Amino acid sequence: MVSMSWRKLLPLFLIVLMAGPALAINTIGKGGYVSVATDGYDDGYYLVVWSNSSGVFGRLYYVRTNTPAGDAIQIYNSSAFNTAVASSKVDNSQAGDNVYLVVWRGGDNYPYARLLGYDGSFITNVTQLNTQNKTDWVAAAYGNRYFVAVYEGGSTGIYQNLYYTVFDTAGNVKDSGLLYSFSGTIHYTSIAYDPVTGYFGVFLRNRRGTPYDASFLAFRLNGDGTLDRGSIRVGTVLSNQQIYGAAIASPGNGFVIGYETGYRWYTRKVTIDGSSGSISVSQNISLPIRQGYTAPGGGAMDFVNNGTEGYIVLAI
């Protein structure tokens, strides 16, 4: 289990920024939204997925050498936008048991998903997650034997509803439907799983007038993969701030969230009482992080649990 050391977050982030040259992964058209997940093994893979006008693509890389494990995989062959990927790594006895869930918003603005095996082989065909409501941002996580995809929706283009779909690792849909309705438009949805409390946590921006609010939603699944509706808890994390971008991860026994405002990035800790489900939010954990250029915003940020004791990497 990775324990979070908040004071170590900033130094590690700066080290990552000063690391060696980046490795180009995409030679198929211009890149779009990019997501990454690992299988959790020192001698295993990580999967990078991205989208563009040609579709959704993925490529496996060896963790130890950071070199390609094969050619790019075309996961979807039509125009696509926002992408997300999750790995079943925490429940695998060996690398060959790992499964990836890839979720994206298609060019028709509907949410889609596909499961891939540890070697990039397809477990399922492409699945359209919702046929009634178009979406904007999508997110994916894995916990307690199930994948959960969450995506915004609204038939009129006002994305106030948050929907969900639950998969098992064979690609069977165990449950789906409306998770929660917010009073404002949802944006920058992100999701993670806390194995200590058994809660999934969703961090998102929801607009109520100008500027914005940001909310945290927590829920559990039943043993059969269905949503435990009695477990749903929602709390306001930030009020009346210009928030662009949202990220979430769980180091265990709570969550860490990241967000951008004023071209600076902040982190906070969110904890959930395992019995009552009450939500507590800390003040800003660290000093604001600022890159050496003026960032344009747009939600391009993520937390990556890199398996190093005491650290989580904030990627922007």
C-alpha atoms as a PDB file:
ATOM      1  CA  MET A   1       0.000   0.000   0.000  1.00  0.00           C
ATOM      2  CA  VAL A   2       1.319   3.412  -0.907  1.00  0.00           C
ATOM      3  CA  SER A   3       1.172   5.913   1.937  1.00  0.00           C
ATOM      4  CA  MET A   4       0.965   9.545   0.931  1.00  0.00           C
ATOM      5  CA  SER A   5       3.604  11.965   2.121  1.00  0.00           C
ATOM      6  CA  TRP A   6       2.157  15.372   1.318  1.00  0.00           C
ATOM      7  CA  ARG A   7       5.399  17.264   1.829  1.00  0.00           C
ATOM      8  CA  LYS A   8       7.102  15.005  -0.711  1.00  0.00           C
ATOM      9  CA  LEU A   9       4.602  15.731  -3.469  1.00  0.00           C
ATOM     10  CA  LEU A  10       6.123  19.035  -4.581  1.00  0.00           C
ATOM     11  CA  PRO A  11       9.811  17.978  -4.637  1.00  0.00           C
ATOM     12  CA  LEU A  12       8.976  14.851  -6.618  1.00  0.00           C
ATOM     13  CA  PHE A  13       6.926  16.839  -9.085  1.00  0.00           C
ATOM     14  CA  LEU A  14       9.845  19.178  -9.699  1.00  0.00           C
ATOM     15  CA  ILE A  15      12.172  16.207 -10.191  1.00  0.00           C
ATOM     16  CA  VAL A  16       9.772  14.772 -12.762  1.00  0.00           C
ATOM     17  CA  LEU A  17       9.720  18.091 -14.624  1.00  0.00           C
ATOM     18  CA  MET A  18      13.516  18.105 -14.857  1.00  0.00           C
ATOM     19  CA  ALA A  19      13.778  14.493 -16.014  1.00  0.00           C
ATOM     20  CA  GLY A  20      15.302  13.486 -19.338  1.00  0.00           C
ATOM     21  CA  PRO A  21      13.794  13.860 -22.820  1.00  0.00           C
ATOM     22  CA  ALA A  22      10.244  12.687 -23.393  1.00  0.00           C
ATOM     23  CA  LEU A  23       9.518   9.537 -25.377  1.00  0.00           C
ATOM     24  CA  ALA A  24       7.290  10.024 -28.425  1.00  0.00           C
ATOM     25  CA  ILE A  25       4.485   7.471 -28.454  1.00  0.00           C
ATOM     26  CA  ASN A  26       2.220   8.617 -31.258  1.00  0.00           C
ATOM     27  CA  THR A  27       3.018   8.764 -34.953  1.00  0.00           C
ATOM     28  CA  ILE A  28      -0.591   8.347 -36.122  1.00  0.00           C
ATOM     29  CA  GLY A  29      -2.030  11.817 -36.631  1.00  0.00           C
ATOM     30  CA  LYS A  30      -2.067  14.585 -34.098  1.00  0.00           C
ATOM     31  CA  GLY A  31      -2.414  13.536 -30.484  1.00  0.00           C
ATOM     32  CA  GLY A  32      -5.425  14.349 -28.380  1.00  0.00           C
ATOM     33  CA  TYR A  33      -6.371  13.456 -24.828  1.00  0.00           C
ATOM     34  CA  VAL A  34      -3.852  11.086 -23.238  1.00  0.00           C
ATOM     35  CA  SER A  35      -4.225   8.691 -20.292  1.00  0.00           C
ATOM     36  CA  VAL A  36      -1.952   6.037 -18.784  1.00  0.00           C
ATOM     37  CA  ALA A  37      -2.246   3.027 -16.443  1.00  0.00           C
ATOM     38  CA  THR A  38       0.192   0.327 -15.290  1.00  0.00           C
ATOM     39  CA  ASP A  39      -0.185  -3.372 -14.530  1.00  0.00           C
ATOM     40  CA  GLY A  40       1.591  -2.908 -11.184  1.00  0.00           C
ATOM     41  CA  TYR A  41       4.554  -5.210 -11.881  1.00  0.00           C
ATOM     42  CA  ASP A  42       8.182  -4.109 -11.887  1.00  0.00           C
ATOM     43  CA  ASP A  43       8.842  -6.193 -15.002  1.00  0.00           C
ATOM     44  CA  GLY A  44       5.436  -5.546 -16.550  1.00  0.00           C
ATOM     45  CA  TYR A  45       3.802  -2.971 -18.808  1.00  0.00           C
ATOM     46  CA  TYR A  46       2.121   0.368 -18.763  1.00  0.00           C
ATOM     47  CA  LEU A  47      -0.538   1.250 -21.330  1.00  0.00           C
ATOM     48  CA  VAL A  48      -0.759   4.711 -22.884  1.00  0.00           C
ATOM     49  CA  VAL A  49      -4.008   5.593 -24.682  1.00  0.00           C
ATOM     50  CA  TRP A  50      -4.783   8.658 -26.778  1.00  0.00           C
ATOM     51  CA  SER A  51      -7.415   9.902 -29.192  1.00  0.00           C
ATOM     52  CA  ASN A  52      -7.609  11.996 -32.330  1.00  0.00           C
ATOM     53  CA  SER A  53      -9.654  12.378 -35.503  1.00  0.00           C
ATOM     54  CA  SER A  54      -8.628   8.859 -36.586  1.00  0.00           C
ATOM     55  CA  GLY A  55      -9.800   7.068 -33.441  1.00  0.00           C
ATOM     56  CA  VAL A  56      -8.574   5.805 -30.075  1.00  0.00           C
ATOM     57  CA  PHE A  57      -5.135   4.201 -29.879  1.00  0.00           C
ATOM     58  CA  GLY A  58      -3.071   2.457 -27.253  1.00  0.00           C
ATOM     59  CA  ARG A  59       0.513   1.317 -26.907  1.00  0.00           C
ATOM     60  CA  LEU A  60       2.167  -0.884 -24.309  1.00  0.00           C
ATOM     61  CA  TYR A  61       5.562  -0.020 -22.863  1.00  0.00           C
ATOM     62  CA  TYR A  62       7.918  -2.017 -20.670  1.00  0.00           C
ATOM     63  CA  VAL A  63       8.059  -0.449 -17.217  1.00  0.00           C
ATOM     64  CA  ARG A  64      11.742  -1.155 -16.597  1.00  0.00           C
ATOM     65  CA  THR A  65      13.131   0.104 -19.883  1.00  0.00           C
ATOM     66  CA  ASN A  66      10.438   2.580 -20.991  1.00  0.00           C
ATOM     67  CA  THR A  67      10.570   1.049 -24.477  1.00  0.00           C
ATOM     68  CA  PRO A  68       7.641  -0.044 -26.685  1.00  0.00           C
ATOM     69  CA  ALA A  69       6.380  -3.592 -26.180  1.00  0.00           C
ATOM     70  CA  GLY A  70       4.723  -3.553 -29.587  1.00  0.00           C
ATOM     71  CA  ASP A  71       3.089  -1.399 -32.227  1.00  0.00           C
ATOM     72  CA  ALA A  72       0.213   0.991 -31.591  1.00  0.00           C
ATOM     73  CA  ILE A  73      -3.193  -0.681 -31.142  1.00  0.00           C
ATOM     74  CA  GLN A  74      -6.269   0.869 -32.731  1.00  0.00           C
ATOM     75  CA  ILE A  75      -8.988   0.515 -30.110  1.00  0.00           C
ATOM     76  CA  TYR A  76     -11.649   2.536 -31.966  1.00  0.00           C
ATOM     77  CA  ASN A  77     -11.667   3.569 -35.608  1.00  0.00           C
ATOM     78  CA  SER A  78     -13.743   6.767 -35.599  1.00  0.00           C
ATOM     79  CA  SER A  79     -13.066  10.276 -34.342  1.00  0.00           C
ATOM     80  CA  ALA A  80     -12.790  10.523 -30.554  1.00  0.00           C
ATOM     81  CA  PHE A  81     -12.046  13.009 -27.806  1.00  0.00           C
ATOM     82  CA  ASN A  82     -11.630  12.621 -24.042  1.00  0.00           C
ATOM     83  CA  THR A  83     -10.099   9.290 -22.993  1.00  0.00           C
ATOM     84  CA  ALA A  84      -9.530   7.431 -19.705  1.00  0.00           C
ATOM     85  CA  VAL A  85      -7.932   4.109 -18.768  1.00  0.00           C
ATOM     86  CA  ALA A  86      -7.941   1.977 -15.612  1.00  0.00           C
ATOM     87  CA  SER A  87      -6.075  -1.201 -14.647  1.00  0.00           C
ATOM     88  CA  SER A  88      -7.158  -4.141 -12.496  1.00  0.00           C
ATOM     89  CA  LYS A  89      -3.625  -4.372 -11.060  1.00  0.00           C
ATOM     90  CA  VAL A  90      -4.535  -4.506  -7.357  1.00  0.00           C
ATOM     91  CA  ASP A  91      -6.323  -7.864  -7.668  1.00  0.00           C
ATOM     92  CA  ASN A  92      -3.901  -9.701  -9.966  1.00  0.00           C
ATOM     93  CA  SER A  93      -1.839 -12.670  -8.829  1.00  0.00           C
ATOM     94  CA  GLN A  94       0.401 -12.338 -11.881  1.00  0.00           C
ATOM     95  CA  ALA A  95       0.927  -9.897 -14.730  1.00  0.00           C
ATOM     96  CA  GLY A  96      -1.024 -12.046 -17.195  1.00  0.00           C
ATOM     97  CA  ASP A  97      -4.186 -11.539 -15.145  1.00  0.00           C
ATOM     98  CA  ASN A  98      -4.226  -7.778 -15.682  1.00  0.00           C
ATOM     99  CA  VAL A  99      -7.108  -6.157 -17.578  1.00  0.00           C
ATOM    100  CA  TYR A 100      -7.437  -2.571 -18.819  1.00  0.00           C
ATOM    101  CA  LEU A 101     -10.675  -0.634 -19.258  1.00  0.00           C
ATOM    102  CA  VAL A 102     -10.467   2.158 -21.846  1.00  0.00           C
ATOM    103  CA  VAL A 103     -13.272   4.755 -21.966  1.00  0.00           C
ATOM    104  CA  TRP A 104     -13.694   7.657 -24.370  1.00  0.00           C
ATOM    105  CA  ARG A 105     -16.064  10.207 -25.847  1.00  0.00           C
ATOM    106  CA  GLY A 106     -16.679   9.482 -29.504  1.00  0.00           C
ATOM    107  CA  GLY A 107     -16.953  12.024 -32.288  1.00  0.00           C
ATOM    108  CA  ASP A 108     -20.736  11.689 -31.966  1.00  0.00           C
ATOM    109  CA  ASN A 109     -20.357  12.787 -28.298  1.00  0.00           C
ATOM    110  CA  TYR A 110     -21.571   9.492 -26.848  1.00  0.00           C
ATOM    111  CA  PRO A 111     -19.467   7.494 -24.325  1.00  0.00           C
ATOM    112  CA  TYR A 112     -17.797   4.239 -25.370  1.00  0.00           C
ATOM    113  CA  ALA A 113     -15.632   1.595 -23.705  1.00  0.00           C
ATOM    114  CA  ARG A 114     -13.529  -1.483 -24.455  1.00  0.00           C
ATOM    115  CA  LEU A 115     -11.614  -3.983 -22.297  1.00  0.00           C
ATOM    116  CA  LEU A 116      -8.083  -5.059 -23.215  1.00  0.00           C
ATOM    117  CA  GLY A 117      -5.958  -7.868 -21.827  1.00  0.00           C
ATOM    118  CA  TYR A 118      -2.499  -7.482 -20.309  1.00  0.00           C
ATOM    119  CA  ASP A 119      -0.877  -7.864 -23.744  1.00  0.00           C
ATOM    120  CA  GLY A 120      -3.188  -5.420 -25.526  1.00  0.00           C
ATOM    121  CA  SER A 121      -5.501  -8.075 -26.945  1.00  0.00           C
ATOM    122  CA  PHE A 122      -9.203  -7.246 -27.085  1.00  0.00           C
ATOM    123  CA  ILE A 123     -11.437  -8.851 -24.454  1.00  0.00           C
ATOM    124  CA  THR A 124     -14.610  -7.133 -25.662  1.00  0.00           C
ATOM    125  CA  ASN A 125     -15.879  -5.302 -28.690  1.00  0.00           C
ATOM    126  CA  VAL A 126     -16.539  -1.574 -28.468  1.00  0.00           C
ATOM    127  CA  THR A 127     -19.499  -0.899 -26.148  1.00  0.00           C
ATOM    128  CA  GLN A 128     -21.610   2.263 -26.248  1.00  0.00           C
ATOM    129  CA  LEU A 129     -22.265   3.117 -22.610  1.00  0.00           C
ATOM    130  CA  ASN A 130     -25.254   5.388 -23.097  1.00  0.00           C
ATOM    131  CA  THR A 131     -27.521   5.707 -26.109  1.00  0.00           C
ATOM    132  CA  GLN A 132     -29.787   8.430 -24.735  1.00  0.00           C
ATOM    133  CA  ASN A 133     -27.443  11.091 -23.403  1.00  0.00           C
ATOM    134  CA  LYS A 134     -24.403  12.670 -25.009  1.00  0.00           C
ATOM    135  CA  THR A 135     -21.381  13.308 -22.833  1.00  0.00           C
ATOM    136  CA  ASP A 136     -18.328  15.523 -22.415  1.00  0.00           C
ATOM    137  CA  TRP A 137     -15.750  14.190 -19.932  1.00  0.00           C
ATOM    138  CA  VAL A 138     -15.260  10.527 -19.053  1.00  0.00           C
ATOM    139  CA  ALA A 139     -13.307   8.789 -16.272  1.00  0.00           C
ATOM    140  CA  ALA A 140     -12.499   5.207 -15.194  1.00  0.00           C
ATOM    141  CA  ALA A 141     -11.309   3.388 -12.067  1.00  0.00           C
ATOM    142  CA  TYR A 142     -10.998  -0.146 -10.706  1.00  0.00           C
ATOM    143  CA  GLY A 143     -11.703  -1.453  -7.230  1.00  0.00           C
ATOM    144  CA  ASN A 144     -12.885  -4.543  -5.389  1.00  0.00           C
ATOM    145  CA  ARG A 145     -13.070  -6.725  -8.548  1.00  0.00           C
ATOM    146  CA  TYR A 146     -14.974  -4.205 -10.698  1.00  0.00           C
ATOM    147  CA  PHE A 147     -14.319  -1.408 -13.161  1.00  0.00           C
ATOM    148  CA  VAL A 148     -16.417   1.741 -12.929  1.00  0.00           C
ATOM    149  CA  ALA A 149     -16.775   4.233 -15.782  1.00  0.00           C
ATOM    150  CA  VAL A 150     -18.380   7.588 -15.022  1.00  0.00           C
ATOM    151  CA  TYR A 151     -19.444  10.114 -17.614  1.00  0.00           C
ATOM    152  CA  GLU A 152     -21.443  13.303 -17.784  1.00  0.00           C
ATOM    153  CA  GLY A 153     -24.710  13.345 -19.681  1.00  0.00           C
ATOM    154  CA  GLY A 154     -27.578  15.476 -20.845  1.00  0.00           C
ATOM    155  CA  SER A 155     -29.765  15.180 -23.902  1.00  0.00           C
ATOM    156  CA  THR A 156     -29.864  18.959 -24.345  1.00  0.00           C
ATOM    157  CA  GLY A 157     -26.106  19.441 -24.066  1.00  0.00           C
ATOM    158  CA  ILE A 158     -26.344  20.718 -20.480  1.00  0.00           C
ATOM    159  CA  TYR A 159     -24.359  18.044 -18.675  1.00  0.00           C
ATOM    160  CA  GLN A 160     -25.808  18.152 -15.172  1.00  0.00           C
ATOM    161  CA  ASN A 161     -26.173  14.398 -14.736  1.00  0.00           C
ATOM    162  CA  LEU A 162     -23.430  11.953 -13.796  1.00  0.00           C
ATOM    163  CA  TYR A 163     -23.928   8.421 -15.126  1.00  0.00           C
ATOM    164  CA  TYR A 164     -22.071   5.203 -14.368  1.00  0.00           C
ATOM    165  CA  THR A 165     -21.424   1.754 -15.826  1.00  0.00           C
ATOM    166  CA  VAL A 166     -19.915  -1.144 -13.847  1.00  0.00           C
ATOM    167  CA  PHE A 167     -17.964  -3.933 -15.607  1.00  0.00           C
ATOM    168  CA  ASP A 168     -16.408  -7.114 -14.310  1.00  0.00           C
ATOM    169  CA  THR A 169     -12.998  -8.095 -15.661  1.00  0.00           C
ATOM    170  CA  ALA A 170     -14.602 -10.295 -18.326  1.00  0.00           C
ATOM    171  CA  GLY A 171     -16.413  -7.280 -19.750  1.00  0.00           C
ATOM    172  CA  ASN A 172     -19.887  -8.073 -18.427  1.00  0.00           C
ATOM    173  CA  VAL A 173     -21.951  -5.018 -17.483  1.00  0.00           C
ATOM    174  CA  LYS A 174     -23.080  -5.513 -13.880  1.00  0.00           C
ATOM    175  CA  ASP A 175     -24.943  -2.231 -13.395  1.00  0.00           C
ATOM    176  CA  SER A 176     -25.475   1.154 -15.041  1.00  0.00           C
ATOM    177  CA  GLY A 177     -27.628   4.237 -14.754  1.00  0.00           C
ATOM    178  CA  LEU A 178     -27.870   7.704 -13.254  1.00  0.00           C
ATOM    179  CA  LEU A 179     -25.442   8.208 -10.377  1.00  0.00           C
ATOM    180  CA  TYR A 180     -26.281  11.769  -9.339  1.00  0.00           C
ATOM    181  CA  SER A 181     -27.844  14.987 -10.658  1.00  0.00           C
ATOM    182  CA  PHE A 182     -26.039  18.241  -9.917  1.00  0.00           C
ATOM    183  CA  SER A 183     -27.560  21.702 -10.075  1.00  0.00           C
ATOM    184  CA  GLY A 184     -24.872  22.938 -12.460  1.00  0.00           C
ATOM    185  CA  THR A 185     -23.003  21.747 -15.536  1.00  0.00           C
ATOM    186  CA  ILE A 186     -20.361  19.071 -14.809  1.00  0.00           C
ATOM    187  CA  HIS A 187     -16.820  19.273 -16.174  1.00  0.00           C
ATOM    188  CA  TYR A 188     -13.372  17.691 -15.612  1.00  0.00           C
ATOM    189  CA  THR A 189     -14.710  14.477 -14.076  1.00  0.00           C
ATOM    190  CA  SER A 190     -12.115  12.206 -12.389  1.00  0.00           C
ATOM    191  CA  ILE A 191     -12.487   9.026 -10.296  1.00  0.00           C
ATOM    192  CA  ALA A 192     -10.367   6.820  -8.000  1.00  0.00           C
ATOM    193  CA  TYR A 193     -10.860   3.942  -5.540  1.00  0.00           C
ATOM    194  CA  ASP A 194      -9.828   3.783  -1.882  1.00  0.00           C
ATOM    195  CA  PRO A 195      -9.209   0.129  -0.877  1.00  0.00           C
ATOM    196  CA  VAL A 196      -9.192   0.978   2.830  1.00  0.00           C
ATOM    197  CA  THR A 197     -12.734   2.390   3.061  1.00  0.00           C
ATOM    198  CA  GLY A 198     -14.109   0.668  -0.045  1.00  0.00           C
ATOM    199  CA  TYR A 199     -15.343   3.954  -1.505  1.00  0.00           C
ATOM    200  CA  PHE A 200     -14.990   5.211  -5.037  1.00  0.00           C
ATOM    201  CA  GLY A 201     -14.397   8.963  -5.062  1.00  0.00           C
ATOM    202  CA  VAL A 202     -15.361  11.315  -7.902  1.00  0.00           C
ATOM    203  CA  PHE A 203     -13.952  14.846  -8.093  1.00  0.00           C
ATOM    204  CA  LEU A 204     -15.497  17.255 -10.611  1.00  0.00           C
ATOM    205  CA  ARG A 205     -16.328  20.853 -11.335  1.00  0.00           C
ATOM    206  CA  ASN A 206     -19.985  21.784 -11.359  1.00  0.00           C
ATOM    207  CA  ARG A 207     -21.037  25.252 -12.331  1.00  0.00           C
ATOM    208  CA  ARG A 208     -23.515  27.228 -10.262  1.00  0.00           C
ATOM    209  CA  GLY A 209     -23.472  30.695 -11.768  1.00  0.00           C
ATOM    210  CA  THR A 210     -20.075  32.344 -12.134  1.00  0.00           C
ATOM    211  CA  PRO A 211     -17.422  31.403 -11.243  1.00  0.00           C
ATOM    212  CA  TYR A 212     -17.645  27.692 -10.303  1.00  0.00           C
ATOM    213  CA  ASP A 213     -18.029  25.128  -7.547  1.00  0.00           C
ATOM    214  CA  ALA A 214     -16.223  21.798  -7.323  1.00  0.00           C
ATOM    215  CA  SER A 215     -17.763  18.754  -5.679  1.00  0.00           C
ATOM    216  CA  PHE A 216     -16.682  15.393  -4.311  1.00  0.00           C
ATOM    217  CA  LEU A 217     -18.987  12.385  -4.619  1.00  0.00           C
ATOM    218  CA  ALA A 218     -18.361   9.070  -2.858  1.00  0.00           C
ATOM    219  CA  PHE A 219     -20.116   5.708  -3.266  1.00  0.00           C
ATOM    220  CA  ARG A 220     -19.652   1.987  -2.771  1.00  0.00           C
ATOM    221  CA  LEU A 221     -20.588  -1.080  -4.770  1.00  0.00           C
ATOM    222  CA  ASN A 222     -22.406  -4.115  -3.467  1.00  0.00           C
ATOM    223  CA  GLY A 223     -20.722  -7.508  -3.655  1.00  0.00           C
ATOM    224  CA  ASP A 224     -22.387  -8.293  -6.980  1.00  0.00           C
ATOM    225  CA  GLY A 225     -21.119  -5.083  -8.591  1.00  0.00           C
ATOM    226  CA  THR A 226     -24.369  -3.132  -8.327  1.00  0.00           C
ATOM    227  CA  LEU A 227     -24.395   0.412  -6.956  1.00  0.00           C
ATOM    228  CA  ASP A 228     -25.084   0.737  -3.236  1.00  0.00           C
ATOM    229  CA  ARG A 229     -27.346   3.773  -3.491  1.00  0.00           C
ATOM    230  CA  GLY A 230     -27.505   4.164   0.259  1.00  0.00           C
ATOM    231  CA  SER A 231     -23.751   4.818   0.309  1.00  0.00           C
ATOM    232  CA  ILE A 232     -23.788   7.891  -1.965  1.00  0.00           C
ATOM    233  CA  ARG A 233     -22.366  10.996  -0.305  1.00  0.00           C
ATOM    234  CA  VAL A 234     -21.771  14.400  -1.906  1.00  0.00           C
ATOM    235  CA  GLY A 235     -19.902  17.403  -0.556  1.00  0.00           C
ATOM    236  CA  THR A 236     -18.675  20.757  -1.864  1.00  0.00           C
ATOM    237  CA  VAL A 237     -14.885  20.927  -2.068  1.00  0.00           C
ATOM    238  CA  LEU A 238     -14.420  24.429  -3.472  1.00  0.00           C
ATOM    239  CA  SER A 239     -16.785  27.365  -3.860  1.00  0.00           C
ATOM    240  CA  ASN A 240     -16.710  30.366  -6.176  1.00  0.00           C
ATOM    241  CA  GLN A 241     -13.351  29.723  -7.825  1.00  0.00           C
ATOM    242  CA  GLN A 242     -12.296  29.645 -11.468  1.00  0.00           C
ATOM    243  CA  ILE A 243     -11.372  25.951 -11.583  1.00  0.00           C
ATOM    244  CA  TYR A 244      -9.858  24.399 -14.693  1.00  0.00           C
ATOM    245  CA  GLY A 245      -8.767  20.792 -14.412  1.00  0.00           C
ATOM    246  CA  ALA A 246      -9.394  18.136 -11.782  1.00  0.00           C
ATOM    247  CA  ALA A 247      -7.419  15.067 -10.719  1.00  0.00           C
ATOM    248  CA  ILE A 248      -7.852  12.456  -7.989  1.00  0.00           C
ATOM    249  CA  ALA A 249      -5.928   9.500  -6.563  1.00  0.00           C
ATOM    250  CA  SER A 250      -6.040   7.395  -3.419  1.00  0.00           C
ATOM    251  CA  PRO A 251      -2.905   6.603  -1.431  1.00  0.00           C
ATOM    252  CA  GLY A 252      -5.145   4.573   0.917  1.00  0.00           C
ATOM    253  CA  ASN A 253      -7.503   5.742   3.648  1.00  0.00           C
ATOM    254  CA  GLY A 254      -8.674   8.785   1.745  1.00  0.00           C
ATOM    255  CA  PHE A 255      -8.087  10.670  -1.464  1.00  0.00           C
ATOM    256  CA  VAL A 256      -5.854  13.437  -2.732  1.00  0.00           C
ATOM    257  CA  ILE A 257      -7.364  15.860  -5.235  1.00  0.00           C
ATOM    258  CA  GLY A 258      -5.597  18.321  -7.501  1.00  0.00           C
ATOM    259  CA  TYR A 259      -7.004  21.306  -9.334  1.00  0.00           C
ATOM    260  CA  GLU A 260      -5.899  24.330 -11.328  1.00  0.00           C
ATOM    261  CA  THR A 261      -6.935  27.889 -10.661  1.00  0.00           C
ATOM    262  CA  GLY A 262      -5.163  31.056 -11.719  1.00  0.00           C
ATOM    263  CA  TYR A 263      -2.604  29.009 -13.715  1.00  0.00           C
ATOM    264  CA  ARG A 264      -1.472  27.356 -10.477  1.00  0.00           C
ATOM    265  CA  TRP A 265      -2.108  23.852  -9.185  1.00  0.00           C
ATOM    266  CA  TYR A 266      -3.167  22.959  -5.670  1.00  0.00           C
ATOM    267  CA  THR A 267      -3.759  19.750  -3.729  1.00  0.00           C
ATOM    268  CA  ARG A 268      -6.135  18.891  -0.921  1.00  0.00           C
ATOM    269  CA  LYS A 269      -6.856  15.766   1.087  1.00  0.00           C
ATOM    270  CA  VAL A 270     -10.360  14.300   1.243  1.00  0.00           C
ATOM    271  CA  THR A 271     -11.219  11.694   3.855  1.00  0.00           C
ATOM    272  CA  ILE A 272     -14.395   9.647   4.289  1.00  0.00           C
ATOM    273  CA  ASP A 273     -15.600   8.122   7.520  1.00  0.00           C
ATOM    274  CA  GLY A 274     -15.953   4.411   6.798  1.00  0.00           C
ATOM    275  CA  SER A 275     -19.028   4.122   9.020  1.00  0.00           C
ATOM    276  CA  SER A 276     -21.019   7.301   8.504  1.00  0.00           C
ATOM    277  CA  GLY A 277     -19.685   8.255   5.085  1.00  0.00           C
ATOM    278  CA  SER A 278     -19.115  11.845   6.211  1.00  0.00           C
ATOM    279  CA  ILE A 279     -16.685  13.788   4.017  1.00  0.00           C
ATOM    280  CA  SER A 280     -13.860  15.960   5.347  1.00  0.00           C
ATOM    281  CA  VAL A 281     -11.742  18.265   3.194  1.00  0.00           C
ATOM    282  CA  SER A 282      -8.416  19.755   4.248  1.00  0.00           C
ATOM    283  CA  GLN A 283      -7.061  23.148   3.336  1.00  0.00           C
ATOM    284  CA  ASN A 284      -4.448  23.370   0.581  1.00  0.00           C
ATOM    285  CA  ILE A 285      -1.787  20.771   1.364  1.00  0.00           C
ATOM    286  CA  SER A 286       1.155  22.376  -0.405  1.00  0.00           C
ATOM    287  CA  LEU A 287       2.216  25.678  -1.826  1.00  0.00           C
ATOM    288  CA  PRO A 288       0.840  26.280  -5.319  1.00  0.00           C
ATOM    289  CA  ILE A 289       2.815  24.544  -8.048  1.00  0.00           C
ATOM    290  CA  ARG A 290       3.726  26.673 -11.034  1.00  0.00           C
ATOM    291  CA  GLN A 291       5.362  25.527 -14.232  1.00  0.00           C
ATOM    292  CA  GLY A 292       7.849  27.603 -16.206  1.00  0.00           C
ATOM    293  CA  TYR A 293       5.203  28.714 -18.668  1.00  0.00           C
ATOM    294  CA  THR A 294       1.688  30.070 -18.553  1.00  0.00           C
ATOM    295  CA  ALA A 295      -0.586  27.064 -18.833  1.00  0.00           C
ATOM    296  CA  PRO A 296      -3.702  27.401 -20.992  1.00  0.00           C
ATOM    297  CA  GLY A 297      -5.918  25.362 -18.678  1.00  0.00           C
ATOM    298  CA  GLY A 298      -8.303  22.773 -20.027  1.00  0.00           C
ATOM    299  CA  GLY A 299      -8.074  19.924 -17.550  1.00  0.00           C
ATOM    300  CA  ALA A 300      -4.867  18.281 -18.772  1.00  0.00           C
ATOM    301  CA  MET A 301      -3.747  16.937 -15.405  1.00  0.00           C
ATOM    302  CA  ASP A 302      -3.653  13.585 -13.659  1.00  0.00           C
ATOM    303  CA  PHE A 303      -2.305  11.820 -10.594  1.00  0.00           C
ATOM    304  CA  VAL A 304      -0.160   8.765 -11.186  1.00  0.00           C
ATOM    305  CA  ASN A 305       0.484   6.259  -8.405  1.00  0.00           C
ATOM    306  CA  ASN A 306       4.007   5.242  -9.382  1.00  0.00           C
ATOM    307  CA  GLY A 307       4.452   2.514  -6.766  1.00  0.00           C
ATOM    308  CA  THR A 308       7.110   4.411  -4.835  1.00  0.00           C
ATOM    309  CA  GLU A 309       6.569   4.498  -1.093  1.00  0.00           C
ATOM    310  CA  GLY A 310       5.439   7.949   0.021  1.00  0.00           C
ATOM    311  CA  TYR A 311       4.921   9.488  -3.417  1.00  0.00           C
ATOM    312  CA  ILE A 312       2.211  10.231  -5.938  1.00  0.00           C
ATOM    313  CA  VAL A 313       3.150  12.079  -9.125  1.00  0.00           C
ATOM    314  CA  LEU A 314       1.031  14.999 -10.312  1.00  0.00           C
ATOM    315  CA  ALA A 315       1.294  15.099 -14.123  1.00  0.00           C
ATOM    316  CA  ILE A 316       0.258  18.257 -15.962  1.00  0.00           C
END
